[in-house]
């Protein structure tokens, strides 16, 4: 498992974690934004009207309404990324990471418009009478690249487990255990039954559930966020200022935070933006392919709203909660994660400017630092290190009050061997004070508002609803990919296996799955970005044809309903 984990880390470093991937993702979105003359701005009002069903006709083919398709796609994107992903980006890249999440969403609105339109255009009706679509269909039917379509579909199935099923229930179970004391296996059993009842009913039941759950979960979370924002209203202005002033310079050290370079903030912000809104990944087009519409562009219009709701609204609220509350620079008692912890030689003090500078260079990959990773033996008596010739770095901060344990006992006595900065024995636990990240950081922030400590329940409930709805949506993405690969008969076995994996992950370690998902996301994204770039001219022609037909159908209607897109926009 360690070898496989290392291999996946290396693969992710070459793909999603590489310097070039954010430029490719943003570059495609920027190109289409200019090429189609800023559709995310010009078509926004029209998109709102389409999603309300203003132009719906009963004769349109499909399984769901525009709103239900939007809700299903949103349920797949509004999830742990909005609660934990934003917190992770800020904890790694500082306030600047939020700016690059916004940029990913802004250009992603156009990317999603393009991918949904093209995927809807080449959707098919399957043998069981349901609609099936997604990038694999335009790759196969239009580009004649069967191999690319198969690669994308396989990556989608992998991601359905790595993104939609296993990590989601793992996060839910951990949150329920920490907040309410529920056994993780019991949480998994109950939610697995509910998941089965929903997804075994197919897209119509999935759409019916998500169209009800998404508005409720958004309302609960937004209420809790505003309770913190208004409580810390005097910090909102400085928080916004820090986001913009740090966008192109990186974030300086603040409190326990040791600072982040521009490159780090940019990379993490764009990556977390993709994980949150999935624009360009090719997942949302699978949900939108089920919508009742005879015009692919009309469904593409609806998808413009997704990154706006997911990232511009919900992720921004999470970011402002974290920044205005100040918890992102505070240290809390926590158990250090093995993957986020490094032992280094010598004693470093964050109050010392020279030490901060060296650690900043080390953490941001500069070559001119003097920091050395620790290798040697640490003598421990009742959990406390006897020798003091090391410093522990955890979550981009210096760990304090370090205590060593083994399994559940935190009064370990003996020797702890360290090799290249990492404890050799994985059963050794390290506790102390450091910065925290992901959902834990968001939970801390929600307690700094009008609801006080009760704010943590909003995060737990929000995480439950967000993550569970994500699992529902991704089951549909996976079964459409299976339909493409092996036909409709493969769907039911896939769903059974999906639910079984969901239950198992409630009490298992899914670290490896997260790594597999990180690779799977990029393997989905790159072929999709390539495909829509190849079809750029067809996309432009399809949009022009849509507006020509729309004008004719609207006739001589007056006011805003006459023509919502003037000739100046063409």
Protein backbone atom coordinates (compact mmCIF):
# COMPACT_ATOMS: atom_id res chain seq x y z
CA UNK A 1 0.00 0.00 0.00
CA UNK A 2 2.86 2.40 0.79
CA UNK A 3 4.43 1.68 -2.61
CA UNK A 4 1.10 2.23 -4.39
CA UNK A 5 0.49 5.39 -2.39
CA UNK A 6 3.92 6.74 -3.34
CA UNK A 7 3.29 5.91 -6.98
CA UNK A 8 -0.04 7.76 -6.95
CA UNK A 9 1.61 10.73 -5.23
CA UNK A 10 4.23 10.85 -7.96
CA UNK A 11 1.58 10.55 -10.67
CA UNK A 12 -0.49 13.32 -9.09
CA UNK A 13 2.62 15.52 -8.85
CA UNK A 14 3.11 15.12 -12.61
CA UNK A 15 -0.57 15.80 -13.37
CA UNK A 16 -2.90 17.75 -11.03
CA UNK A 17 -0.12 18.93 -8.75
CA UNK A 18 2.13 20.05 -11.61
CA UNK A 19 2.92 23.67 -12.43
CA UNK A 20 1.29 23.47 -15.88
CA UNK A 21 -2.11 21.98 -15.02
CA UNK A 22 -3.65 25.16 -13.51
CA UNK A 23 -2.56 27.10 -16.60
CA UNK A 24 -4.21 24.54 -18.89
CA UNK A 25 -7.45 24.57 -16.89
CA UNK A 26 -7.68 28.35 -16.64
CA UNK A 27 -6.35 28.78 -20.17
CA UNK A 28 -9.17 26.77 -21.75
CA UNK A 29 -11.76 28.69 -19.74
CA UNK A 30 -10.14 32.01 -20.67
CA UNK A 31 -10.01 31.06 -24.36
CA UNK A 32 -13.71 30.18 -24.54
CA UNK A 33 -14.64 33.24 -22.49
CA UNK A 34 -13.02 35.47 -25.11
CA UNK A 35 -13.98 33.27 -28.10
CA UNK A 36 -17.68 33.26 -27.13
CA UNK A 37 -17.60 36.88 -25.88
CA UNK A 38 -18.13 36.38 -22.14
CA UNK A 39 -21.20 34.13 -22.13
CA UNK A 40 -21.09 33.81 -18.33
CA UNK A 41 -22.05 37.50 -18.15
CA UNK A 42 -24.20 37.97 -21.27
CA UNK A 43 -26.26 34.81 -20.87
CA UNK A 44 -26.65 34.81 -17.08
CA UNK A 45 -30.13 36.36 -17.06
CA UNK A 46 -31.29 34.04 -19.82
CA UNK A 47 -29.90 31.04 -17.91
CA UNK A 48 -32.00 31.99 -14.87
CA UNK A 49 -35.12 32.07 -17.06
CA UNK A 50 -34.35 28.72 -18.68
CA UNK A 51 -33.86 26.99 -15.33
CA UNK A 52 -37.27 28.20 -14.11
CA UNK A 53 -38.88 26.35 -17.03
CA UNK A 54 -39.97 29.47 -18.92
CA UNK A 55 -39.21 27.89 -22.29
CA UNK A 56 -39.98 24.24 -21.48
CA UNK A 57 -42.17 22.16 -23.77
CA UNK A 58 -43.79 18.83 -22.90
CA UNK A 59 -42.61 17.29 -26.16
CA UNK A 60 -38.93 17.65 -25.27
CA UNK A 61 -37.06 14.38 -24.78
CA UNK A 62 -35.39 13.67 -21.47
CA UNK A 63 -35.81 12.28 -17.97
CA UNK A 64 -35.61 15.42 -15.78
CA UNK A 65 -36.46 19.12 -15.81
CA UNK A 66 -33.80 21.82 -16.17
CA UNK A 67 -34.00 22.54 -12.44
CA UNK A 68 -33.71 18.88 -11.48
CA UNK A 69 -30.66 18.46 -13.75
CA UNK A 70 -29.10 21.56 -12.19
CA UNK A 71 -29.86 20.25 -8.69
CA UNK A 72 -28.34 16.86 -9.47
CA UNK A 73 -25.19 18.47 -10.88
CA UNK A 74 -25.00 20.88 -7.93
CA UNK A 75 -25.42 18.02 -5.47
CA UNK A 76 -22.33 16.47 -7.08
CA UNK A 77 -20.28 19.65 -6.76
CA UNK A 78 -21.58 21.21 -3.53
CA UNK A 79 -19.95 18.89 -1.05
CA UNK A 80 -16.87 18.51 1.10
CA UNK A 81 -15.02 20.84 -1.26
CA UNK A 82 -17.19 23.73 -0.09
CA UNK A 83 -16.63 22.97 3.60
CA UNK A 84 -13.20 21.34 3.74
CA UNK A 85 -11.74 22.21 0.34
CA UNK A 86 -11.85 25.97 0.86
CA UNK A 87 -10.35 25.58 4.33
CA UNK A 88 -7.58 23.38 2.93
CA UNK A 89 -6.78 25.90 0.20
CA UNK A 90 -6.57 28.80 2.69
CA UNK A 91 -4.55 26.78 5.20
CA UNK A 92 -2.00 25.99 2.46
CA UNK A 93 -2.06 29.09 0.27
CA UNK A 94 -3.42 31.81 2.56
CA UNK A 95 -6.12 34.33 1.54
CA UNK A 96 -4.74 34.48 -2.02
CA UNK A 97 -5.99 30.94 -2.66
CA UNK A 98 -9.58 32.21 -2.44
CA UNK A 99 -8.93 34.68 -5.27
CA UNK A 100 -7.75 31.88 -7.56
CA UNK A 101 -10.78 29.80 -6.62
CA UNK A 102 -12.87 32.73 -7.86
CA UNK A 103 -10.94 32.89 -11.11
CA UNK A 104 -11.40 29.17 -11.61
CA UNK A 105 -15.14 29.60 -11.09
CA UNK A 106 -15.46 32.67 -13.34
CA UNK A 107 -13.75 31.06 -16.32
CA UNK A 108 -15.20 27.71 -15.31
CA UNK A 109 -18.70 29.07 -15.94
CA UNK A 110 -17.81 29.24 -19.64
CA UNK A 111 -16.00 25.89 -19.64
CA UNK A 112 -19.05 24.22 -18.13
CA UNK A 113 -21.32 25.94 -20.66
CA UNK A 114 -19.25 24.45 -23.48
CA UNK A 115 -18.84 20.92 -22.11
CA UNK A 116 -22.52 20.58 -21.19
CA UNK A 117 -23.72 21.89 -24.56
CA UNK A 118 -21.52 19.51 -26.57
CA UNK A 119 -22.27 16.52 -24.34
CA UNK A 120 -26.02 17.17 -24.50
CA UNK A 121 -25.83 17.49 -28.29
CA UNK A 122 -24.43 13.97 -28.67
CA UNK A 123 -26.43 12.19 -25.98
CA UNK A 124 -28.25 8.94 -26.82
CA UNK A 125 -31.33 7.07 -25.66
CA UNK A 126 -30.32 3.70 -24.19
CA UNK A 127 -32.06 0.35 -24.52
CA UNK A 128 -33.86 0.87 -21.21
CA UNK A 129 -35.37 4.14 -22.47
CA UNK A 130 -33.28 6.54 -20.37
CA UNK A 131 -30.98 9.24 -21.71
CA UNK A 132 -27.20 8.83 -21.50
CA UNK A 133 -24.65 11.49 -22.22
CA UNK A 134 -21.37 12.99 -21.20
CA UNK A 135 -18.00 13.69 -22.79
CA UNK A 136 -17.50 10.03 -23.68
CA UNK A 137 -20.37 10.29 -26.18
CA UNK A 138 -19.07 13.30 -28.09
CA UNK A 139 -15.57 11.78 -28.00
CA UNK A 140 -16.96 8.63 -29.57
CA UNK A 141 -19.74 9.90 -31.86
CA UNK A 142 -18.21 13.19 -33.01
CA UNK A 143 -14.42 12.90 -32.60
CA UNK A 144 -14.35 9.19 -33.52
CA UNK A 145 -11.88 8.61 -30.65
CA UNK A 146 -13.26 5.49 -29.03
CA UNK A 147 -10.07 4.97 -27.03
CA UNK A 148 -10.32 8.45 -25.52
CA UNK A 149 -13.98 7.91 -24.65
CA UNK A 150 -13.16 4.61 -22.93
CA UNK A 151 -10.32 6.26 -20.98
CA UNK A 152 -12.67 9.02 -19.82
CA UNK A 153 -15.43 6.56 -18.86
CA UNK A 154 -13.04 4.37 -16.84
CA UNK A 155 -11.70 7.48 -15.06
CA UNK A 156 -15.31 8.46 -14.29
CA UNK A 157 -16.04 5.11 -12.66
CA UNK A 158 -12.87 5.38 -10.57
CA UNK A 159 -13.72 8.94 -9.58
CA UNK A 160 -17.27 7.95 -8.65
CA UNK A 161 -15.75 5.91 -5.83
CA UNK A 162 -12.76 8.16 -5.14
CA UNK A 163 -14.75 11.40 -5.19
CA UNK A 164 -18.39 10.53 -4.70
CA UNK A 165 -18.63 7.50 -2.45
CA UNK A 166 -15.73 6.52 -0.23
CA UNK A 167 -14.30 9.85 1.02
CA UNK A 168 -17.75 11.38 1.43
CA UNK A 169 -19.07 8.78 3.88
CA UNK A 170 -15.69 8.68 5.60
CA UNK A 171 -15.97 12.42 6.29
CA UNK A 172 -19.61 12.10 7.36
CA UNK A 173 -18.84 9.25 9.78
CA UNK A 174 -15.89 11.10 11.30
CA UNK A 175 -17.98 14.25 11.74
CA UNK A 176 -20.91 12.41 13.32
CA UNK A 177 -18.55 10.60 15.70
CA UNK A 178 -16.71 13.77 16.73
CA UNK A 179 -19.84 15.91 17.15
CA UNK A 180 -22.54 13.51 18.32
CA UNK A 181 -20.58 10.41 19.42
CA UNK A 182 -22.25 8.13 16.85
CA UNK A 183 -20.37 4.95 15.96
CA UNK A 184 -18.89 5.23 12.49
CA UNK A 185 -20.12 1.81 11.38
CA UNK A 186 -23.66 2.61 12.56
CA UNK A 187 -23.62 5.87 10.61
CA UNK A 188 -22.40 4.01 7.56
CA UNK A 189 -25.10 1.34 7.86
CA UNK A 190 -27.98 3.81 8.13
CA UNK A 191 -26.80 6.05 5.31
CA UNK A 192 -25.95 3.09 3.07
CA UNK A 193 -29.58 1.93 3.30
CA UNK A 194 -30.80 5.43 2.47
CA UNK A 195 -28.33 5.67 -0.42
CA UNK A 196 -29.53 2.35 -1.82
CA UNK A 197 -33.18 3.43 -1.62
CA UNK A 198 -32.35 6.56 -3.61
CA UNK A 199 -29.96 5.35 -6.32
CA UNK A 200 -31.62 2.03 -7.05
CA UNK A 201 -34.59 4.06 -8.28
CA UNK A 202 -32.56 5.62 -11.08
CA UNK A 203 -32.21 9.21 -12.29
CA UNK A 204 -35.85 10.22 -11.73
CA UNK A 205 -35.69 9.38 -8.03
CA UNK A 206 -32.19 10.86 -7.75
CA UNK A 207 -33.40 14.09 -9.36
CA UNK A 208 -36.48 14.23 -7.13
CA UNK A 209 -34.39 13.86 -3.97
CA UNK A 210 -31.59 16.25 -4.95
CA UNK A 211 -34.03 18.97 -6.06
CA UNK A 212 -35.33 18.99 -2.48
CA UNK A 213 -32.10 18.42 -0.57
CA UNK A 214 -29.91 20.99 -2.37
CA UNK A 215 -32.00 24.08 -1.47
CA UNK A 216 -32.35 22.95 2.15
CA UNK A 217 -28.68 22.20 2.67
CA UNK A 218 -27.66 25.50 1.05
CA UNK A 219 -30.07 27.47 3.26
CA UNK A 220 -28.83 25.85 6.48
CA UNK A 221 -25.19 26.42 5.62
CA UNK A 222 -25.67 30.01 4.46
CA UNK A 223 -27.55 30.85 7.66
CA UNK A 224 -24.68 29.54 9.77
CA UNK A 225 -22.11 31.37 7.65
CA UNK A 226 -23.84 34.73 8.02
CA UNK A 227 -24.03 34.20 11.78
CA UNK A 228 -20.21 34.22 11.82
CA UNK A 229 -19.73 36.92 9.18
CA UNK A 230 -21.99 39.47 10.89
CA UNK A 231 -20.50 38.62 14.28
CA UNK A 232 -17.05 39.49 12.87
CA UNK A 233 -18.27 42.19 10.50
CA UNK A 234 -15.35 44.50 11.33
CA UNK A 235 -12.97 41.91 9.83
CA UNK A 236 -14.79 41.48 6.51
CA UNK A 237 -13.17 44.51 4.86
CA UNK A 238 -9.61 43.52 5.80
CA UNK A 239 -10.36 39.94 4.73
CA UNK A 240 -11.40 41.04 1.24
CA UNK A 241 -8.38 43.32 1.02
CA UNK A 242 -6.03 40.46 1.93
CA UNK A 243 -7.53 38.24 -0.77
CA UNK A 244 -6.83 40.79 -3.51
CA UNK A 245 -3.53 42.22 -2.26
CA UNK A 246 -2.03 38.75 -1.84
CA UNK A 247 -3.36 37.37 -5.14
CA UNK A 248 -0.17 37.99 -7.14
CA UNK A 249 2.39 38.15 -4.33
CA UNK A 250 1.47 35.23 -2.10
CA UNK A 251 0.54 35.43 1.58
CA UNK A 252 3.01 36.57 4.20
CA UNK A 253 3.43 34.88 7.58
CA UNK A 254 0.61 35.66 10.02
CA UNK A 255 0.18 34.24 13.50
CA UNK A 256 1.09 30.57 13.31
CA UNK A 257 0.87 30.55 9.50
CA UNK A 258 4.38 30.47 8.00
CA UNK A 259 3.43 32.03 4.66
CA UNK A 260 2.77 30.88 1.10
CA UNK A 261 4.29 31.93 -2.21
CA UNK A 262 2.26 33.07 -5.22
CA UNK A 263 2.95 29.77 -6.99
CA UNK A 264 1.64 27.78 -4.04
CA UNK A 265 -1.49 29.89 -3.60
CA UNK A 266 -2.18 29.83 -7.34
CA UNK A 267 -1.75 26.07 -7.67
CA UNK A 268 -3.79 25.19 -4.59
CA UNK A 269 -6.51 27.73 -5.35
CA UNK A 270 -7.03 26.47 -8.90
CA UNK A 271 -6.91 22.81 -7.83
CA UNK A 272 -9.40 23.33 -5.00
CA UNK A 273 -11.57 25.35 -7.37
CA UNK A 274 -11.71 22.41 -9.77
CA UNK A 275 -12.44 19.98 -6.93
CA UNK A 276 -15.26 22.23 -5.76
CA UNK A 277 -17.09 23.18 -8.97
CA UNK A 278 -15.76 20.47 -11.35
CA UNK A 279 -15.80 22.88 -14.32
CA UNK A 280 -13.90 21.16 -17.11
CA UNK A 281 -13.87 17.78 -15.40
CA UNK A 282 -16.74 16.47 -17.50
CA UNK A 283 -18.88 15.14 -14.66
CA UNK A 284 -21.75 17.67 -14.70
CA UNK A 285 -22.51 17.08 -18.42
CA UNK A 286 -23.54 13.55 -17.48
CA UNK A 287 -26.30 14.89 -15.22
CA UNK A 288 -27.39 17.56 -17.68
CA UNK A 289 -27.71 15.01 -20.46
CA UNK A 290 -30.85 13.73 -18.76
CA UNK A 291 -32.65 17.10 -19.02
CA UNK A 292 -35.72 17.58 -21.19
CA UNK A 293 -34.52 19.92 -23.92
CA UNK A 294 -34.38 19.91 -27.70
CA UNK A 295 -31.69 22.60 -27.73
CA UNK A 296 -28.31 21.58 -26.25
CA UNK A 297 -27.37 25.24 -25.78
CA UNK A 298 -30.34 25.83 -23.47
CA UNK A 299 -29.03 23.16 -21.10
CA UNK A 300 -25.54 24.63 -21.42
CA UNK A 301 -27.03 27.93 -20.26
CA UNK A 302 -28.34 26.28 -17.11
CA UNK A 303 -24.90 24.92 -16.26
CA UNK A 304 -23.45 28.45 -16.21
CA UNK A 305 -25.17 28.87 -12.84
CA UNK A 306 -23.33 25.96 -11.19
CA UNK A 307 -19.84 27.42 -10.60
CA UNK A 308 -21.51 30.69 -9.61
CA UNK A 309 -23.62 29.04 -6.89
CA UNK A 310 -20.98 26.53 -5.83
CA UNK A 311 -17.86 28.69 -5.73
CA UNK A 312 -18.72 32.37 -6.10
CA UNK A 313 -21.43 32.12 -3.41
CA UNK A 314 -20.93 29.11 -1.12
CA UNK A 315 -17.12 28.85 -1.22
CA UNK A 316 -16.84 32.62 -0.75
CA UNK A 317 -19.02 32.42 2.36
CA UNK A 318 -16.83 29.65 3.74
CA UNK A 319 -13.70 31.65 2.96
CA UNK A 320 -15.02 34.79 4.64
CA UNK A 321 -16.06 32.80 7.71
CA UNK A 322 -12.53 31.40 8.03
CA UNK A 323 -10.72 34.67 7.32
CA UNK A 324 -12.94 36.98 9.39
CA UNK A 325 -12.91 34.65 12.40
CA UNK A 326 -9.10 34.55 12.34
CA UNK A 327 -8.91 30.83 13.09
CA UNK A 328 -6.74 30.12 10.04
CA UNK A 329 -3.72 31.62 11.89
CA UNK A 330 -4.48 30.08 15.32
CA UNK A 331 -3.05 26.86 16.72
CA UNK A 332 -5.34 24.25 18.22
CA UNK A 333 -4.83 20.99 20.06
CA UNK A 334 -4.91 18.23 17.45
CA UNK A 335 -3.44 14.89 16.46
CA UNK A 336 -0.85 15.46 13.75
CA UNK A 337 -1.47 13.79 10.41
CA UNK A 338 1.40 11.69 9.16
CA UNK A 339 1.08 13.08 5.62
CA UNK A 340 1.17 16.70 6.82
CA UNK A 341 3.98 16.40 9.36
CA UNK A 342 7.77 16.70 9.04
CA UNK A 343 10.56 16.58 11.64
CA UNK A 344 13.42 18.98 10.89
CA UNK A 345 16.81 19.49 12.53
CA UNK A 346 17.28 22.21 15.12
CA UNK A 347 14.99 24.50 17.10
CA UNK A 348 13.00 27.00 15.08
CA UNK A 349 10.94 29.84 16.50
CA UNK A 350 8.23 31.54 14.45
CA UNK A 351 8.84 34.75 16.40
CA UNK A 352 12.37 34.82 14.94
CA UNK A 353 12.37 36.55 11.54
CA UNK A 354 15.37 34.58 10.24
CA UNK A 355 13.72 31.29 11.22
CA UNK A 356 10.46 32.30 9.55
CA UNK A 357 12.31 33.16 6.36
CA UNK A 358 14.07 29.79 6.25
CA UNK A 359 10.87 27.86 6.90
CA UNK A 360 9.02 29.92 4.29
CA UNK A 361 11.61 28.99 1.68
CA UNK A 362 11.54 25.34 2.73
CA UNK A 363 7.73 25.02 2.64
CA UNK A 364 7.42 26.81 -0.69
CA UNK A 365 10.05 24.76 -2.50
CA UNK A 366 12.85 27.33 -2.71
CA UNK A 367 16.30 25.86 -3.22
CA UNK A 368 18.28 28.35 -1.11
CA UNK A 369 17.07 27.31 2.35
CA UNK A 370 19.20 25.69 5.07
CA UNK A 371 16.45 23.53 6.56
CA UNK A 372 17.37 19.82 6.92
CA UNK A 373 14.96 17.00 7.55
CA UNK A 374 15.64 15.10 10.77
CA UNK A 375 17.04 11.57 10.83
CA UNK A 376 17.80 9.91 14.12
CA UNK A 377 16.36 8.54 17.37
CA UNK A 378 14.23 10.56 19.80
CA UNK A 379 14.16 9.38 23.40
CA UNK A 380 10.68 9.70 24.91
CA UNK A 381 9.62 9.42 28.56
CA UNK A 382 5.89 9.39 29.32
CA UNK A 383 5.11 11.02 26.01
CA UNK A 384 7.67 13.84 26.28
CA UNK A 385 10.86 13.97 24.18
CA UNK A 386 14.08 14.06 26.21
CA UNK A 387 16.30 15.40 23.40
CA UNK A 388 15.25 18.77 21.99
CA UNK A 389 17.28 18.89 18.77
CA UNK A 390 14.29 18.91 16.41
CA UNK A 391 11.22 20.90 15.38
CA UNK A 392 7.96 19.46 14.13
CA UNK A 393 6.26 21.17 11.18
CA UNK A 394 2.56 20.40 10.81
CA UNK A 395 -0.01 22.09 8.56
CA UNK A 396 2.49 24.80 7.57
CA UNK A 397 3.09 25.76 11.20
CA UNK A 398 5.50 24.92 14.02
CA UNK A 399 4.04 22.28 16.32
CA UNK A 400 4.00 23.07 20.04
CA UNK A 401 3.60 21.00 23.24
CA UNK A 402 4.51 17.82 21.36
CA UNK A 403 3.48 14.51 22.96
CA UNK A 404 4.18 11.02 21.64
CA UNK A 405 1.86 8.06 21.97
CA UNK A 406 1.17 4.67 20.48
CA UNK A 407 -2.31 3.52 19.47
CA UNK A 408 -4.68 5.02 22.08
CA UNK A 409 -2.04 5.57 24.78
CA UNK A 410 -0.51 9.06 24.81
CA UNK A 411 2.11 8.40 27.50
CA UNK A 412 4.58 6.45 25.36
CA UNK A 413 8.02 5.70 26.78
CA UNK A 414 10.78 4.48 24.50
CA UNK A 415 12.60 5.40 21.29
CA UNK A 416 10.99 7.01 18.26
CA UNK A 417 13.06 6.51 15.10
CA UNK A 418 12.81 9.25 12.48
CA UNK A 419 13.91 8.74 8.89
CA UNK A 420 14.07 11.74 6.53
CA UNK A 421 11.62 13.67 8.65
CA UNK A 422 9.02 10.91 9.10
CA UNK A 423 8.50 8.48 12.04
CA UNK A 424 9.49 4.97 10.94
CA UNK A 425 6.77 3.30 13.04
CA UNK A 426 3.33 4.32 11.66
CA UNK A 427 1.65 3.33 14.94
CA UNK A 428 3.38 6.21 16.74
CA UNK A 429 0.98 9.12 17.25
CA UNK A 430 2.00 12.74 17.76
CA UNK A 431 -0.26 15.28 19.40
CA UNK A 432 0.20 18.95 20.10
CA UNK A 433 -0.83 22.43 19.03
CA UNK A 434 -0.67 23.50 15.39
CA UNK A 435 -2.75 25.04 12.67
CA UNK A 436 -5.59 22.85 11.44
CA UNK A 437 -7.15 22.53 7.99
CA UNK A 438 -10.05 21.12 5.99
CA UNK A 439 -13.39 20.52 7.74
CA UNK A 440 -11.78 20.85 11.17
CA UNK A 441 -10.74 24.44 10.38
CA UNK A 442 -14.21 25.32 9.08
CA UNK A 443 -15.75 23.82 12.23
CA UNK A 444 -13.52 26.00 14.42
CA UNK A 445 -14.52 29.07 12.41
CA UNK A 446 -18.25 28.39 12.78
CA UNK A 447 -17.93 28.50 16.57
CA UNK A 448 -16.77 32.15 16.37
CA UNK A 449 -20.22 33.57 15.62
CA UNK A 450 -23.61 34.27 17.20
CA UNK A 451 -24.24 30.56 17.73
CA UNK A 452 -21.01 30.03 19.70
CA UNK A 453 -19.98 26.40 20.14
CA UNK A 454 -23.33 25.32 18.67
CA UNK A 455 -22.02 26.49 15.29
CA UNK A 456 -20.15 23.23 14.96
CA UNK A 457 -23.47 21.44 14.56
CA UNK A 458 -24.21 23.48 11.45
CA UNK A 459 -20.96 22.27 9.91
CA UNK A 460 -21.75 18.68 10.88
CA UNK A 461 -25.27 18.84 9.47
CA UNK A 462 -24.03 20.69 6.39
CA UNK A 463 -21.29 18.12 5.87
CA UNK A 464 -23.84 15.33 6.23
CA UNK A 465 -26.20 16.80 3.64
CA UNK A 466 -23.49 18.03 1.27
CA UNK A 467 -21.47 14.83 1.28
CA UNK A 468 -24.48 12.52 1.10
CA UNK A 469 -25.93 14.40 -1.88
CA UNK A 470 -22.52 14.24 -3.58
CA UNK A 471 -22.54 10.46 -3.17
CA UNK A 472 -25.99 10.33 -4.76
CA UNK A 473 -24.98 12.39 -7.79
CA UNK A 474 -21.73 10.55 -8.42
CA UNK A 475 -23.52 7.20 -8.38
CA UNK A 476 -25.39 8.43 -11.44
CA UNK A 477 -22.19 9.60 -13.14
CA UNK A 478 -20.69 6.17 -12.54
CA UNK A 479 -23.69 4.23 -13.81
CA UNK A 480 -23.81 6.31 -17.04
CA UNK A 481 -20.12 5.55 -17.54
CA UNK A 482 -20.83 1.86 -16.97
CA UNK A 483 -23.71 2.07 -19.45
CA UNK A 484 -21.30 3.37 -22.05
CA UNK A 485 -18.63 0.78 -21.27
CA UNK A 486 -20.69 -2.38 -20.76
CA UNK A 487 -24.33 -1.54 -21.44
CA UNK A 488 -27.43 -1.05 -19.23
CA UNK A 489 -27.13 -4.50 -17.65
CA UNK A 490 -23.95 -3.45 -15.88
CA UNK A 491 -25.69 -0.64 -14.00
CA UNK A 492 -27.35 -2.67 -11.24
CA UNK A 493 -24.17 -4.59 -10.25
CA UNK A 494 -22.33 -1.26 -10.22
CA UNK A 495 -24.93 0.30 -7.92
CA UNK A 496 -24.74 -2.63 -5.50
CA UNK A 497 -20.96 -2.43 -5.41
CA UNK A 498 -21.18 1.36 -4.99
CA UNK A 499 -23.41 1.03 -1.90
CA UNK A 500 -21.19 -1.72 -0.44
CA UNK A 501 -18.11 0.46 -0.87
CA UNK A 502 -19.98 3.36 0.72
CA UNK A 503 -20.64 1.31 3.85
CA UNK A 504 -17.06 -0.03 4.05
CA UNK A 505 -15.54 3.44 3.77
CA UNK A 506 -17.47 4.68 6.81
CA UNK A 507 -14.99 2.92 9.09
CA UNK A 508 -11.97 2.38 6.80
CA UNK A 509 -8.90 4.48 6.01
CA UNK A 510 -9.55 6.08 2.61
CA UNK A 511 -6.22 7.90 2.24
CA UNK A 512 -5.31 5.74 -0.75
CA UNK A 513 -8.72 6.38 -2.31
CA UNK A 514 -8.23 10.14 -2.04
CA UNK A 515 -4.94 9.79 -3.89
CA UNK A 516 -6.56 7.63 -6.56
CA UNK A 517 -9.35 10.19 -6.89
CA UNK A 518 -6.85 13.03 -7.36
CA UNK A 519 -5.36 11.19 -10.33
CA UNK A 520 -8.78 10.15 -11.65
CA UNK A 521 -10.03 13.75 -11.68
CA UNK A 522 -7.15 14.89 -13.88
CA UNK A 523 -7.49 11.86 -16.19
CA UNK A 524 -11.13 12.93 -16.64
CA UNK A 525 -10.32 16.62 -17.08
CA UNK A 526 -7.48 16.56 -19.61
CA UNK A 527 -9.30 14.49 -22.31
CA UNK A 528 -12.41 16.63 -21.84
CA UNK A 529 -10.49 19.90 -22.23
CA UNK A 530 -8.79 18.51 -25.32
CA UNK A 531 -12.11 17.46 -26.83
CA UNK A 532 -13.93 20.75 -26.35
CA UNK A 533 -10.96 22.66 -27.79
CA UNK A 534 -11.08 20.51 -30.93
CA UNK A 535 -14.81 21.26 -31.25
CA UNK A 536 -14.51 25.01 -30.58
CA UNK A 537 -15.80 26.04 -34.05
CA UNK A 538 -18.76 23.70 -33.80
CA UNK A 539 -19.56 25.14 -30.38
CA UNK A 540 -19.66 28.68 -31.76
CA UNK A 541 -21.84 27.61 -34.67
CA UNK A 542 -24.21 25.77 -32.31
CA UNK A 543 -24.62 28.87 -30.14
CA UNK A 544 -25.30 31.10 -33.17
CA UNK A 545 -27.90 28.64 -34.48
CA UNK A 546 -29.59 28.59 -31.07
CA UNK A 547 -30.02 32.37 -31.00
CA UNK A 548 -31.30 32.48 -34.58
CA UNK A 549 -33.96 29.92 -33.72
CA UNK A 550 -34.73 31.65 -30.44
CA UNK A 551 -35.34 34.97 -32.20
CA UNK A 552 -37.77 33.40 -34.65
CA UNK A 553 -39.72 31.68 -31.87
CA UNK A 554 -39.96 34.81 -29.77
CA UNK A 555 -41.29 36.79 -32.69
CA UNK A 556 -42.38 40.31 -31.94
CA UNK A 557 -42.77 39.97 -28.15
CA UNK A 558 -42.24 43.20 -26.24
CA UNK A 559 -39.78 44.24 -23.53
CA UNK A 560 -37.22 41.85 -22.13
CA UNK A 561 -39.14 38.87 -23.49
CA UNK A 562 -38.73 40.05 -27.08
CA UNK A 563 -35.10 39.08 -27.56
CA UNK A 564 -32.80 38.63 -24.58
CA UNK A 565 -29.78 38.68 -26.79
CA UNK A 566 -29.38 41.59 -29.19
CA UNK A 567 -27.46 41.46 -32.46
CA UNK A 568 -24.64 43.31 -30.71
CA UNK A 569 -23.86 40.15 -28.78
CA UNK A 570 -23.42 37.99 -31.88
